[in-house]
Every structure is written in C-alpha cells, then in structure tokens.
N, C-alpha and C. Protein backbone atom coordinates (compact mmCIF):
# COMPACT_ATOMS: atom_id res chain seq x y z
N MET A 1 19.69 -142.72 -147.27
CA MET A 1 18.69 -142.03 -146.48
C MET A 1 18.33 -142.87 -145.25
N ARG A 2 18.12 -144.18 -145.47
CA ARG A 2 17.74 -145.04 -144.37
C ARG A 2 18.88 -145.16 -143.34
N ALA A 3 20.11 -145.22 -143.81
CA ALA A 3 21.26 -145.31 -142.91
C ALA A 3 21.39 -144.05 -142.07
N ALA A 4 21.11 -142.91 -142.65
CA ALA A 4 21.18 -141.66 -141.90
C ALA A 4 20.11 -141.62 -140.82
N LEU A 5 18.92 -142.11 -141.12
CA LEU A 5 17.84 -142.14 -140.15
C LEU A 5 18.16 -143.09 -138.99
N VAL A 6 18.71 -144.25 -139.32
CA VAL A 6 19.10 -145.20 -138.28
C VAL A 6 20.19 -144.62 -137.40
N THR A 7 21.17 -143.97 -138.00
CA THR A 7 22.25 -143.34 -137.23
C THR A 7 21.70 -142.26 -136.31
N LEU A 8 20.79 -141.46 -136.81
CA LEU A 8 20.18 -140.40 -136.00
C LEU A 8 19.42 -140.99 -134.83
N LEU A 9 18.68 -142.06 -135.07
CA LEU A 9 17.93 -142.71 -133.99
C LEU A 9 18.86 -143.31 -132.95
N LEU A 10 19.93 -143.95 -133.40
CA LEU A 10 20.88 -144.55 -132.45
C LEU A 10 21.59 -143.50 -131.61
N LEU A 11 21.85 -142.35 -132.19
CA LEU A 11 22.51 -141.29 -131.43
C LEU A 11 21.56 -140.63 -130.43
N SER A 12 20.28 -140.65 -130.71
CA SER A 12 19.33 -140.00 -129.80
C SER A 12 18.89 -140.90 -128.66
N VAL A 13 19.07 -142.22 -128.79
CA VAL A 13 18.61 -143.16 -127.77
C VAL A 13 19.33 -143.00 -126.44
N PRO A 14 20.66 -142.93 -126.39
CA PRO A 14 21.32 -142.85 -125.08
C PRO A 14 20.87 -141.64 -124.26
N GLY A 15 20.67 -140.51 -124.88
CA GLY A 15 20.20 -139.34 -124.14
C GLY A 15 18.81 -139.54 -123.60
N THR A 16 17.96 -140.17 -124.38
CA THR A 16 16.60 -140.44 -123.94
C THR A 16 16.59 -141.43 -122.79
N LEU A 17 17.40 -142.47 -122.89
CA LEU A 17 17.47 -143.46 -121.82
C LEU A 17 18.01 -142.85 -120.53
N ALA A 18 18.98 -141.97 -120.65
CA ALA A 18 19.54 -141.32 -119.47
C ALA A 18 18.49 -140.44 -118.79
N ALA A 19 17.70 -139.73 -119.59
CA ALA A 19 16.66 -138.89 -119.02
C ALA A 19 15.61 -139.74 -118.31
N GLN A 20 15.24 -140.87 -118.90
CA GLN A 20 14.26 -141.74 -118.27
C GLN A 20 14.81 -142.35 -116.99
N ALA A 21 16.08 -142.68 -116.98
CA ALA A 21 16.68 -143.28 -115.80
C ALA A 21 16.68 -142.30 -114.63
N THR A 22 16.97 -141.03 -114.89
CA THR A 22 16.96 -140.06 -113.79
C THR A 22 15.55 -139.81 -113.30
N GLU A 23 14.56 -139.82 -114.19
CA GLU A 23 13.18 -139.65 -113.75
C GLU A 23 12.74 -140.83 -112.90
N LEU A 24 13.11 -142.03 -113.31
CA LEU A 24 12.74 -143.21 -112.54
C LEU A 24 13.45 -143.23 -111.19
N GLY A 25 14.67 -142.76 -111.15
CA GLY A 25 15.41 -142.74 -109.91
C GLY A 25 14.85 -141.77 -108.89
N GLN A 26 14.13 -140.76 -109.35
CA GLN A 26 13.57 -139.76 -108.45
C GLN A 26 12.17 -140.14 -107.95
N GLN A 27 11.56 -141.15 -108.55
CA GLN A 27 10.22 -141.54 -108.14
C GLN A 27 10.26 -142.30 -106.82
N THR A 28 9.24 -142.09 -106.03
CA THR A 28 9.09 -142.82 -104.78
C THR A 28 7.73 -143.51 -104.79
N LEU A 29 7.58 -144.46 -103.91
CA LEU A 29 6.35 -145.24 -103.86
C LEU A 29 5.21 -144.44 -103.24
N GLY A 30 5.52 -143.48 -102.42
CA GLY A 30 4.47 -142.67 -101.81
C GLY A 30 4.16 -143.12 -100.41
N ARG A 31 3.72 -144.34 -100.26
CA ARG A 31 3.47 -144.89 -98.93
C ARG A 31 3.78 -146.38 -98.96
N ALA A 32 4.00 -146.90 -97.81
CA ALA A 32 4.34 -148.32 -97.73
C ALA A 32 3.10 -149.17 -97.95
N TYR A 33 3.24 -150.24 -98.69
CA TYR A 33 2.14 -151.15 -98.96
C TYR A 33 2.35 -152.46 -98.22
N TRP A 34 2.54 -152.35 -96.93
CA TRP A 34 2.80 -153.54 -96.12
C TRP A 34 1.61 -154.47 -96.12
N HIS A 35 0.40 -153.91 -96.20
CA HIS A 35 -0.79 -154.77 -96.18
C HIS A 35 -0.81 -155.72 -97.37
N VAL A 36 -0.25 -155.30 -98.50
CA VAL A 36 -0.20 -156.18 -99.67
C VAL A 36 0.76 -157.34 -99.41
N PHE A 37 1.91 -157.05 -98.85
CA PHE A 37 2.87 -158.11 -98.54
C PHE A 37 2.32 -159.07 -97.50
N ILE A 38 1.62 -158.54 -96.50
CA ILE A 38 1.02 -159.39 -95.47
C ILE A 38 -0.06 -160.28 -96.09
N ALA A 39 -0.85 -159.72 -96.98
CA ALA A 39 -1.90 -160.50 -97.65
C ALA A 39 -1.29 -161.63 -98.47
N TYR A 40 -0.24 -161.35 -99.22
CA TYR A 40 0.42 -162.40 -100.00
C TYR A 40 0.99 -163.48 -99.09
N ALA A 41 1.59 -163.08 -97.98
CA ALA A 41 2.15 -164.05 -97.05
C ALA A 41 1.05 -164.94 -96.47
N LEU A 42 -0.08 -164.33 -96.11
CA LEU A 42 -1.19 -165.12 -95.58
C LEU A 42 -1.74 -166.10 -96.61
N VAL A 43 -1.84 -165.65 -97.83
CA VAL A 43 -2.33 -166.54 -98.89
C VAL A 43 -1.39 -167.73 -99.04
N TRP A 44 -0.08 -167.49 -99.03
CA TRP A 44 0.88 -168.59 -99.16
C TRP A 44 0.79 -169.54 -97.97
N VAL A 45 0.55 -169.01 -96.77
CA VAL A 45 0.40 -169.87 -95.59
C VAL A 45 -0.84 -170.73 -95.74
N PHE A 46 -1.95 -170.13 -96.18
CA PHE A 46 -3.19 -170.89 -96.37
C PHE A 46 -3.03 -171.94 -97.46
N VAL A 47 -2.39 -171.61 -98.56
CA VAL A 47 -2.18 -172.57 -99.65
C VAL A 47 -1.28 -173.71 -99.16
N GLY A 48 -0.23 -173.38 -98.43
CA GLY A 48 0.64 -174.42 -97.88
C GLY A 48 -0.10 -175.35 -96.94
N GLY A 49 -0.94 -174.79 -96.06
CA GLY A 49 -1.74 -175.61 -95.16
C GLY A 49 -2.72 -176.48 -95.91
N TRP A 50 -3.30 -175.95 -96.97
CA TRP A 50 -4.24 -176.71 -97.79
C TRP A 50 -3.55 -177.88 -98.46
N VAL A 51 -2.35 -177.66 -98.99
CA VAL A 51 -1.60 -178.73 -99.65
C VAL A 51 -1.22 -179.81 -98.63
N ILE A 52 -0.80 -179.42 -97.45
CA ILE A 52 -0.46 -180.39 -96.40
C ILE A 52 -1.69 -181.19 -96.00
N SER A 53 -2.84 -180.51 -95.90
CA SER A 53 -4.08 -181.19 -95.55
C SER A 53 -4.45 -182.22 -96.61
N ILE A 54 -4.34 -181.86 -97.87
CA ILE A 54 -4.66 -182.79 -98.95
C ILE A 54 -3.69 -183.98 -98.93
N ALA A 55 -2.41 -183.72 -98.69
CA ALA A 55 -1.42 -184.80 -98.66
C ALA A 55 -1.71 -185.78 -97.52
N ARG A 56 -2.11 -185.26 -96.37
CA ARG A 56 -2.43 -186.14 -95.25
C ARG A 56 -3.66 -186.98 -95.54
N ARG A 57 -4.69 -186.35 -96.10
CA ARG A 57 -5.90 -187.11 -96.43
C ARG A 57 -5.63 -188.16 -97.49
N LEU A 58 -4.81 -187.81 -98.47
CA LEU A 58 -4.47 -188.77 -99.52
C LEU A 58 -3.69 -189.95 -98.95
N ALA A 59 -2.77 -189.68 -98.03
CA ALA A 59 -2.00 -190.75 -97.40
C ALA A 59 -2.92 -191.66 -96.60
N ARG A 60 -3.91 -191.08 -95.92
CA ARG A 60 -4.86 -191.87 -95.13
C ARG A 60 -5.69 -192.78 -96.05
N ILE A 61 -6.13 -192.25 -97.18
CA ILE A 61 -6.91 -193.04 -98.14
C ILE A 61 -6.05 -194.15 -98.74
N GLU A 62 -4.79 -193.84 -99.07
CA GLU A 62 -3.90 -194.86 -99.63
C GLU A 62 -3.65 -195.99 -98.63
N ARG A 63 -3.54 -195.66 -97.34
CA ARG A 63 -3.37 -196.69 -96.33
C ARG A 63 -4.59 -197.59 -96.25
N ARG A 64 -5.79 -196.99 -96.32
CA ARG A 64 -7.02 -197.78 -96.27
C ARG A 64 -7.13 -198.69 -97.49
N LEU A 65 -6.81 -198.18 -98.64
CA LEU A 65 -6.93 -198.97 -99.88
C LEU A 65 -5.81 -200.01 -100.00
N GLY A 66 -4.66 -199.65 -99.49
CA GLY A 66 -3.52 -200.56 -99.61
C GLY A 66 -3.53 -201.68 -98.58
N GLY A 67 -4.28 -201.50 -97.52
CA GLY A 67 -4.35 -202.53 -96.49
C GLY A 67 -3.12 -202.59 -95.62
N GLU A 68 -2.38 -201.52 -95.56
CA GLU A 68 -1.16 -201.54 -94.74
C GLU A 68 -1.47 -201.40 -93.28
C-alpha cells in the first residue's frame, strides 16, 4: 500500500512542477524597482566610506601610539 502511494506521488510531481514552472514564467514584476537598487548602492557607498574613515583614524592613532 505504501509503495503504491509513493509511486502515485512520484508520478504526479512532474506534472505539478511543470504547471508551476509555466505559471512562474508568465509572471512579471509589474514595475521597475530602480529606487531599491539605488538605495542599496547608496548604502554600500556609505558603508564603504565609513570603513575607510575608521581605517584612516585607526592608522593615525597607531602612528601616535607607536611613535613613528
């Protein structure tokens, strides 16, 4: 009984996956979300600038402490 149920499930999966794939292929985003990409890019620029700023300040402090 269990083997028959498993066989039935395995035979029904490919058809279900094919139907889902065609539905997903027909979906569109609706409108462009460029503002989201721009926001992410700006955040990365700010984080990069912040890291560079911290590195410069740390190097300045190390020079003062090291006596170089």
